[in-house]
């Protein structure tokens, strides 16, 4: 049994790419706070593709920011067969920019850049995972869980904050029917209106911020 476990650990390590994050410089302006109905604060992060990326590069596109942790069972369910299994790719094909962000502090679960790069491939995400090891961006946006979604319209205005839907781990409470909050927000953005429900309660694993 011990040999099998050692072999499994070695196999997993071999399948996890080594990723060195570039220095993004100033990550986000001091005191920046994301506010519904206002232009979302710009930020710059190093990503698992070894490049530095900036939110302002997406201006003119609809944008979905998703806080991400590959070790989180809610992420594994939503991307591995649940509500977000095909959504990032299908939306990217429509011109929507889907950005996954990991704000877990170094050394905490799911914080390794190589692990996140492997997860991006496994879930066929349309881009690299942007890494926020200081937690500065996550805190500025108020990201509390994985997944936690933020939708920006083409003008960069934050129009939705919350959960993908009302079915954590694919489960509904009582006699509820499923409500796709993300779809509602994107339809509103395309129509140039505000979503009927601009904020919902996020569910998932707690973001593991550092001290």
C-alpha atoms as a PDB file:
ATOM      1  CA  UNK A   1       0.000   0.000   0.000  1.00  0.00           C
ATOM      2  CA  UNK A   2       2.820   2.402   0.934  1.00  0.00           C
ATOM      3  CA  UNK A   3       4.553   1.764  -2.404  1.00  0.00           C
ATOM      4  CA  UNK A   4       1.300   2.455  -4.253  1.00  0.00           C
ATOM      5  CA  UNK A   5       0.819   5.742  -2.392  1.00  0.00           C
ATOM      6  CA  UNK A   6       4.386   6.831  -3.085  1.00  0.00           C
ATOM      7  CA  UNK A   7       3.933   5.967  -6.752  1.00  0.00           C
ATOM      8  CA  UNK A   8       0.713   7.970  -6.915  1.00  0.00           C
ATOM      9  CA  UNK A   9       2.360  10.996  -5.320  1.00  0.00           C
ATOM     10  CA  UNK A  10       5.254  10.746  -7.752  1.00  0.00           C
ATOM     11  CA  UNK A  11       2.870  10.477 -10.701  1.00  0.00           C
ATOM     12  CA  UNK A  12       0.922  13.537  -9.601  1.00  0.00           C
ATOM     13  CA  UNK A  13       4.124  15.504  -9.122  1.00  0.00           C
ATOM     14  CA  UNK A  14       5.312  14.512 -12.594  1.00  0.00           C
ATOM     15  CA  UNK A  15       2.007  15.688 -14.104  1.00  0.00           C
ATOM     16  CA  UNK A  16       2.198  19.097 -12.417  1.00  0.00           C
ATOM     17  CA  UNK A  17       4.148  21.583 -14.539  1.00  0.00           C
ATOM     18  CA  UNK A  18       6.685  23.891 -12.949  1.00  0.00           C
ATOM     19  CA  UNK A  19       5.535  27.492 -13.359  1.00  0.00           C
ATOM     20  CA  UNK A  20       7.515  30.586 -12.412  1.00  0.00           C
ATOM     21  CA  UNK A  21       5.311  33.637 -12.075  1.00  0.00           C
ATOM     22  CA  UNK A  22       6.582  36.921 -13.503  1.00  0.00           C
ATOM     23  CA  UNK A  23       6.697  40.046 -11.340  1.00  0.00           C
ATOM     24  CA  UNK A  24       3.551  42.065 -12.158  1.00  0.00           C
ATOM     25  CA  UNK A  25       4.826  45.245 -10.535  1.00  0.00           C
ATOM     26  CA  UNK A  26       2.065  47.347  -8.965  1.00  0.00           C
ATOM     27  CA  UNK A  27      -0.818  44.887  -8.684  1.00  0.00           C
ATOM     28  CA  UNK A  28      -3.686  47.278  -7.908  1.00  0.00           C
ATOM     29  CA  UNK A  29      -3.949  50.886  -6.757  1.00  0.00           C
ATOM     30  CA  UNK A  30      -3.860  51.289  -2.960  1.00  0.00           C
ATOM     31  CA  UNK A  31      -7.346  51.708  -1.542  1.00  0.00           C
ATOM     32  CA  UNK A  32      -9.076  50.471  -4.702  1.00  0.00           C
ATOM     33  CA  UNK A  33     -12.501  48.942  -4.081  1.00  0.00           C
ATOM     34  CA  UNK A  34     -14.782  47.261  -6.610  1.00  0.00           C
ATOM     35  CA  UNK A  35     -18.294  48.724  -6.442  1.00  0.00           C
ATOM     36  CA  UNK A  36     -21.429  47.587  -8.231  1.00  0.00           C
ATOM     37  CA  UNK A  37     -22.456  50.091 -10.874  1.00  0.00           C
ATOM     38  CA  UNK A  38     -18.979  51.645 -11.141  1.00  0.00           C
ATOM     39  CA  UNK A  39     -15.999  50.944 -13.387  1.00  0.00           C
ATOM     40  CA  UNK A  40     -14.100  48.014 -11.886  1.00  0.00           C
ATOM     41  CA  UNK A  41     -10.614  48.899 -10.647  1.00  0.00           C
ATOM     42  CA  UNK A  42      -7.805  47.895 -12.971  1.00  0.00           C
ATOM     43  CA  UNK A  43      -5.232  45.364 -11.820  1.00  0.00           C
ATOM     44  CA  UNK A  44      -2.165  43.523 -13.084  1.00  0.00           C
ATOM     45  CA  UNK A  45      -1.208  39.938 -12.208  1.00  0.00           C
ATOM     46  CA  UNK A  46       1.264  37.280 -13.254  1.00  0.00           C
ATOM     47  CA  UNK A  47      -0.418  34.234 -14.751  1.00  0.00           C
ATOM     48  CA  UNK A  48       0.288  30.545 -15.215  1.00  0.00           C
ATOM     49  CA  UNK A  49       1.315  31.132 -18.846  1.00  0.00           C
ATOM     50  CA  UNK A  50       4.364  33.011 -17.535  1.00  0.00           C
ATOM     51  CA  UNK A  51       3.007  36.333 -18.746  1.00  0.00           C
ATOM     52  CA  UNK A  52       1.788  39.501 -17.019  1.00  0.00           C
ATOM     53  CA  UNK A  53      -1.839  40.373 -17.722  1.00  0.00           C
ATOM     54  CA  UNK A  54      -3.863  43.508 -16.989  1.00  0.00           C
ATOM     55  CA  UNK A  55      -7.636  43.804 -16.694  1.00  0.00           C
ATOM     56  CA  UNK A  56      -7.681  46.914 -18.897  1.00  0.00           C
ATOM     57  CA  UNK A  57      -6.562  44.768 -21.848  1.00  0.00           C
ATOM     58  CA  UNK A  58     -10.124  43.400 -21.922  1.00  0.00           C
ATOM     59  CA  UNK A  59     -11.860  46.786 -22.323  1.00  0.00           C
ATOM     60  CA  UNK A  60     -14.558  46.579 -24.982  1.00  0.00           C
ATOM     61  CA  UNK A  61     -15.400  42.975 -24.090  1.00  0.00           C
ATOM     62  CA  UNK A  62     -17.841  41.476 -21.639  1.00  0.00           C
ATOM     63  CA  UNK A  63     -15.755  39.992 -18.838  1.00  0.00           C
ATOM     64  CA  UNK A  64     -16.366  37.294 -16.243  1.00  0.00           C
ATOM     65  CA  UNK A  65     -13.928  37.145 -13.333  1.00  0.00           C
ATOM     66  CA  UNK A  66     -14.027  33.833 -11.498  1.00  0.00           C
ATOM     67  CA  UNK A  67     -12.163  33.250  -8.238  1.00  0.00           C
ATOM     68  CA  UNK A  68     -10.637  29.810  -8.478  1.00  0.00           C
ATOM     69  CA  UNK A  69      -8.993  27.076  -6.383  1.00  0.00           C
ATOM     70  CA  UNK A  70      -8.308  23.711  -8.060  1.00  0.00           C
ATOM     71  CA  UNK A  71      -8.458  21.896  -4.698  1.00  0.00           C
ATOM     72  CA  UNK A  72     -11.945  23.195  -3.891  1.00  0.00           C
ATOM     73  CA  UNK A  73     -14.711  20.567  -4.328  1.00  0.00           C
ATOM     74  CA  UNK A  74     -17.114  23.277  -5.502  1.00  0.00           C
ATOM     75  CA  UNK A  75     -14.710  24.184  -8.307  1.00  0.00           C
ATOM     76  CA  UNK A  76     -14.202  20.521  -9.131  1.00  0.00           C
ATOM     77  CA  UNK A  77     -17.966  19.969  -9.357  1.00  0.00           C
ATOM     78  CA  UNK A  78     -18.859  23.092 -11.338  1.00  0.00           C
ATOM     79  CA  UNK A  79     -16.015  22.706 -13.846  1.00  0.00           C
ATOM     80  CA  UNK A  80     -15.920  18.913 -13.873  1.00  0.00           C
ATOM     81  CA  UNK A  81     -19.480  18.276 -15.014  1.00  0.00           C
ATOM     82  CA  UNK A  82     -21.575  21.001 -13.394  1.00  0.00           C
ATOM     83  CA  UNK A  83     -22.750  24.479 -14.308  1.00  0.00           C
ATOM     84  CA  UNK A  84     -19.354  25.755 -15.486  1.00  0.00           C
ATOM     85  CA  UNK A  85     -18.106  22.666 -17.311  1.00  0.00           C
ATOM     86  CA  UNK A  86     -18.482  24.153 -20.803  1.00  0.00           C
ATOM     87  CA  UNK A  87     -19.471  27.738 -19.988  1.00  0.00           C
ATOM     88  CA  UNK A  88     -16.024  29.417 -20.092  1.00  0.00           C
ATOM     89  CA  UNK A  89     -15.193  27.966 -23.492  1.00  0.00           C
ATOM     90  CA  UNK A  90     -18.595  28.578 -25.043  1.00  0.00           C
ATOM     91  CA  UNK A  91     -18.647  32.173 -23.816  1.00  0.00           C
ATOM     92  CA  UNK A  92     -15.110  32.752 -25.077  1.00  0.00           C
ATOM     93  CA  UNK A  93     -16.301  31.624 -28.520  1.00  0.00           C
ATOM     94  CA  UNK A  94     -18.929  34.381 -28.290  1.00  0.00           C
ATOM     95  CA  UNK A  95     -16.309  37.012 -27.465  1.00  0.00           C
ATOM     96  CA  UNK A  96     -16.754  37.045 -23.681  1.00  0.00           C
ATOM     97  CA  UNK A  97     -13.465  37.135 -21.767  1.00  0.00           C
ATOM     98  CA  UNK A  98     -13.372  34.584 -18.927  1.00  0.00           C
ATOM     99  CA  UNK A  99     -10.596  35.196 -16.385  1.00  0.00           C
ATOM    100  CA  UNK A 100      -9.880  32.834 -13.503  1.00  0.00           C
ATOM    101  CA  UNK A 101      -8.065  34.299 -10.487  1.00  0.00           C
ATOM    102  CA  UNK A 102      -6.494  32.497  -7.539  1.00  0.00           C
ATOM    103  CA  UNK A 103      -6.003  34.644  -4.408  1.00  0.00           C
ATOM    104  CA  UNK A 104      -4.978  31.819  -2.058  1.00  0.00           C
ATOM    105  CA  UNK A 105      -1.791  32.648  -0.158  1.00  0.00           C
ATOM    106  CA  UNK A 106       1.391  30.682  -0.983  1.00  0.00           C
ATOM    107  CA  UNK A 107       1.504  27.390   0.899  1.00  0.00           C
ATOM    108  CA  UNK A 108      -2.270  27.116   1.255  1.00  0.00           C
ATOM    109  CA  UNK A 109      -4.402  24.550  -0.532  1.00  0.00           C
ATOM    110  CA  UNK A 110      -4.585  25.004  -4.290  1.00  0.00           C
ATOM    111  CA  UNK A 111      -2.058  27.862  -4.392  1.00  0.00           C
ATOM    112  CA  UNK A 112       0.690  26.230  -6.459  1.00  0.00           C
ATOM    113  CA  UNK A 113       0.976  27.889  -9.910  1.00  0.00           C
ATOM    114  CA  UNK A 114       1.827  24.597 -11.608  1.00  0.00           C
ATOM    115  CA  UNK A 115      -1.235  22.953 -10.110  1.00  0.00           C
ATOM    116  CA  UNK A 116      -3.368  25.809 -11.414  1.00  0.00           C
ATOM    117  CA  UNK A 117      -1.829  25.523 -14.883  1.00  0.00           C
ATOM    118  CA  UNK A 118      -2.682  21.812 -14.909  1.00  0.00           C
ATOM    119  CA  UNK A 119      -6.237  22.576 -13.786  1.00  0.00           C
ATOM    120  CA  UNK A 120      -6.663  25.154 -16.562  1.00  0.00           C
ATOM    121  CA  UNK A 121      -5.757  22.447 -19.074  1.00  0.00           C
ATOM    122  CA  UNK A 122      -7.895  19.814 -17.373  1.00  0.00           C
ATOM    123  CA  UNK A 123     -10.997  22.007 -17.376  1.00  0.00           C
ATOM    124  CA  UNK A 124     -10.258  23.428 -20.834  1.00  0.00           C
ATOM    125  CA  UNK A 125     -10.296  26.999 -19.561  1.00  0.00           C
ATOM    126  CA  UNK A 126      -9.918  29.617 -22.315  1.00  0.00           C
ATOM    127  CA  UNK A 127      -6.879  31.214 -20.692  1.00  0.00           C
ATOM    128  CA  UNK A 128      -4.319  30.911 -17.903  1.00  0.00           C
ATOM    129  CA  UNK A 129      -5.086  31.327 -14.216  1.00  0.00           C
ATOM    130  CA  UNK A 130      -4.109  34.784 -12.979  1.00  0.00           C
ATOM    131  CA  UNK A 131      -2.312  34.389  -9.644  1.00  0.00           C
ATOM    132  CA  UNK A 132      -2.893  36.863  -6.793  1.00  0.00           C
ATOM    133  CA  UNK A 133      -0.585  35.535  -4.045  1.00  0.00           C
ATOM    134  CA  UNK A 134      -0.741  38.730  -1.963  1.00  0.00           C
ATOM    135  CA  UNK A 135      -4.541  38.680  -2.066  1.00  0.00           C
ATOM    136  CA  UNK A 136      -4.589  42.392  -2.954  1.00  0.00           C
ATOM    137  CA  UNK A 137      -6.945  41.979  -5.913  1.00  0.00           C
ATOM    138  CA  UNK A 138      -9.228  39.515  -4.173  1.00  0.00           C
ATOM    139  CA  UNK A 139      -9.593  41.780  -1.165  1.00  0.00           C
ATOM    140  CA  UNK A 140     -10.245  44.839  -3.331  1.00  0.00           C
ATOM    141  CA  UNK A 141     -13.021  42.989  -5.122  1.00  0.00           C
ATOM    142  CA  UNK A 142     -14.429  41.359  -1.993  1.00  0.00           C
ATOM    143  CA  UNK A 143     -13.927  37.835  -3.344  1.00  0.00           C
ATOM    144  CA  UNK A 144     -14.822  35.449  -0.536  1.00  0.00           C
ATOM    145  CA  UNK A 145     -15.334  32.027  -2.096  1.00  0.00           C
ATOM    146  CA  UNK A 146     -14.383  29.789  -4.989  1.00  0.00           C
ATOM    147  CA  UNK A 147     -16.194  30.137  -7.246  1.00  0.00           C
ATOM    148  CA  UNK A 148     -17.146  33.821  -6.819  1.00  0.00           C
ATOM    149  CA  UNK A 149     -18.157  35.561 -10.049  1.00  0.00           C
ATOM    150  CA  UNK A 150     -17.911  39.211 -11.094  1.00  0.00           C
ATOM    151  CA  UNK A 151     -19.388  40.345 -14.424  1.00  0.00           C
ATOM    152  CA  UNK A 152     -18.170  43.504 -16.174  1.00  0.00           C
ATOM    153  CA  UNK A 153     -19.915  45.044 -19.173  1.00  0.00           C
ATOM    154  CA  UNK A 154     -18.066  46.293 -22.248  1.00  0.00           C
ATOM    155  CA  UNK A 155     -17.446  49.660 -20.549  1.00  0.00           C
ATOM    156  CA  UNK A 156     -15.747  47.914 -17.636  1.00  0.00           C
ATOM    157  CA  UNK A 157     -18.613  48.578 -15.222  1.00  0.00           C
ATOM    158  CA  UNK A 158     -19.196  45.913 -12.578  1.00  0.00           C
ATOM    159  CA  UNK A 159     -22.811  44.786 -12.993  1.00  0.00           C
ATOM    160  CA  UNK A 160     -23.008  41.462 -11.142  1.00  0.00           C
ATOM    161  CA  UNK A 161     -21.376  39.888  -8.076  1.00  0.00           C
ATOM    162  CA  UNK A 162     -22.219  36.460  -6.689  1.00  0.00           C
ATOM    163  CA  UNK A 163     -22.752  32.793  -7.438  1.00  0.00           C
ATOM    164  CA  UNK A 164     -23.095  31.097 -10.836  1.00  0.00           C
ATOM    165  CA  UNK A 165     -26.535  29.850  -9.842  1.00  0.00           C
ATOM    166  CA  UNK A 166     -28.622  28.844  -6.810  1.00  0.00           C
ATOM    167  CA  UNK A 167     -27.466  25.209  -6.853  1.00  0.00           C
ATOM    168  CA  UNK A 168     -24.205  24.697  -4.936  1.00  0.00           C
ATOM    169  CA  UNK A 169     -22.697  21.308  -5.823  1.00  0.00           C
ATOM    170  CA  UNK A 170     -25.620  20.972  -8.224  1.00  0.00           C
ATOM    171  CA  UNK A 171     -28.128  20.711  -5.378  1.00  0.00           C
ATOM    172  CA  UNK A 172     -31.304  22.796  -5.039  1.00  0.00           C
ATOM    173  CA  UNK A 173     -33.054  23.543  -1.758  1.00  0.00           C
ATOM    174  CA  UNK A 174     -36.639  22.418  -1.261  1.00  0.00           C
ATOM    175  CA  UNK A 175     -38.820  22.888  -4.311  1.00  0.00           C
ATOM    176  CA  UNK A 176     -36.647  25.564  -5.920  1.00  0.00           C
ATOM    177  CA  UNK A 177     -36.039  25.597  -9.631  1.00  0.00           C
ATOM    178  CA  UNK A 178     -32.567  26.429 -10.906  1.00  0.00           C
ATOM    179  CA  UNK A 179     -31.796  30.088 -11.559  1.00  0.00           C
ATOM    180  CA  UNK A 180     -28.801  30.817 -13.776  1.00  0.00           C
ATOM    181  CA  UNK A 181     -27.595  34.117 -12.298  1.00  0.00           C
ATOM    182  CA  UNK A 182     -24.621  34.295 -14.644  1.00  0.00           C
ATOM    183  CA  UNK A 183     -26.791  33.924 -17.743  1.00  0.00           C
ATOM    184  CA  UNK A 184     -29.138  36.652 -16.479  1.00  0.00           C
ATOM    185  CA  UNK A 185     -26.216  39.009 -15.907  1.00  0.00           C
ATOM    186  CA  UNK A 186     -24.694  38.393 -19.330  1.00  0.00           C
ATOM    187  CA  UNK A 187     -28.032  38.846 -21.102  1.00  0.00           C
ATOM    188  CA  UNK A 188     -28.483  42.155 -19.288  1.00  0.00           C
ATOM    189  CA  UNK A 189     -24.970  43.258 -20.240  1.00  0.00           C
ATOM    190  CA  UNK A 190     -25.612  42.497 -23.900  1.00  0.00           C
ATOM    191  CA  UNK A 191     -28.885  44.438 -23.732  1.00  0.00           C
ATOM    192  CA  UNK A 192     -27.205  47.387 -22.043  1.00  0.00           C
ATOM    193  CA  UNK A 193     -29.315  47.080 -18.903  1.00  0.00           C
ATOM    194  CA  UNK A 194     -28.705  46.161 -15.263  1.00  0.00           C
ATOM    195  CA  UNK A 195     -29.398  42.584 -14.134  1.00  0.00           C
ATOM    196  CA  UNK A 196     -32.629  41.980 -12.245  1.00  0.00           C
ATOM    197  CA  UNK A 197     -30.509  40.486  -9.457  1.00  0.00           C
ATOM    198  CA  UNK A 198     -27.154  42.307  -9.391  1.00  0.00           C
ATOM    199  CA  UNK A 199     -25.880  40.593  -6.243  1.00  0.00           C
ATOM    200  CA  UNK A 200     -26.393  37.093  -4.860  1.00  0.00           C
ATOM    201  CA  UNK A 201     -24.846  35.126  -2.021  1.00  0.00           C
ATOM    202  CA  UNK A 202     -21.678  33.401  -3.186  1.00  0.00           C
ATOM    203  CA  UNK A 203     -21.170  29.774  -2.255  1.00  0.00           C
ATOM    204  CA  UNK A 204     -18.069  27.585  -2.297  1.00  0.00           C
ATOM    205  CA  UNK A 205     -14.762  27.226  -0.479  1.00  0.00           C
ATOM    206  CA  UNK A 206     -13.392  30.178   1.467  1.00  0.00           C
ATOM    207  CA  UNK A 207     -10.577  32.074  -0.240  1.00  0.00           C
ATOM    208  CA  UNK A 208      -7.417  31.379   1.796  1.00  0.00           C
ATOM    209  CA  UNK A 209      -5.956  34.873   2.205  1.00  0.00           C
ATOM    210  CA  UNK A 210      -2.656  35.359   3.960  1.00  0.00           C
ATOM    211  CA  UNK A 211      -2.134  37.462   7.063  1.00  0.00           C
END
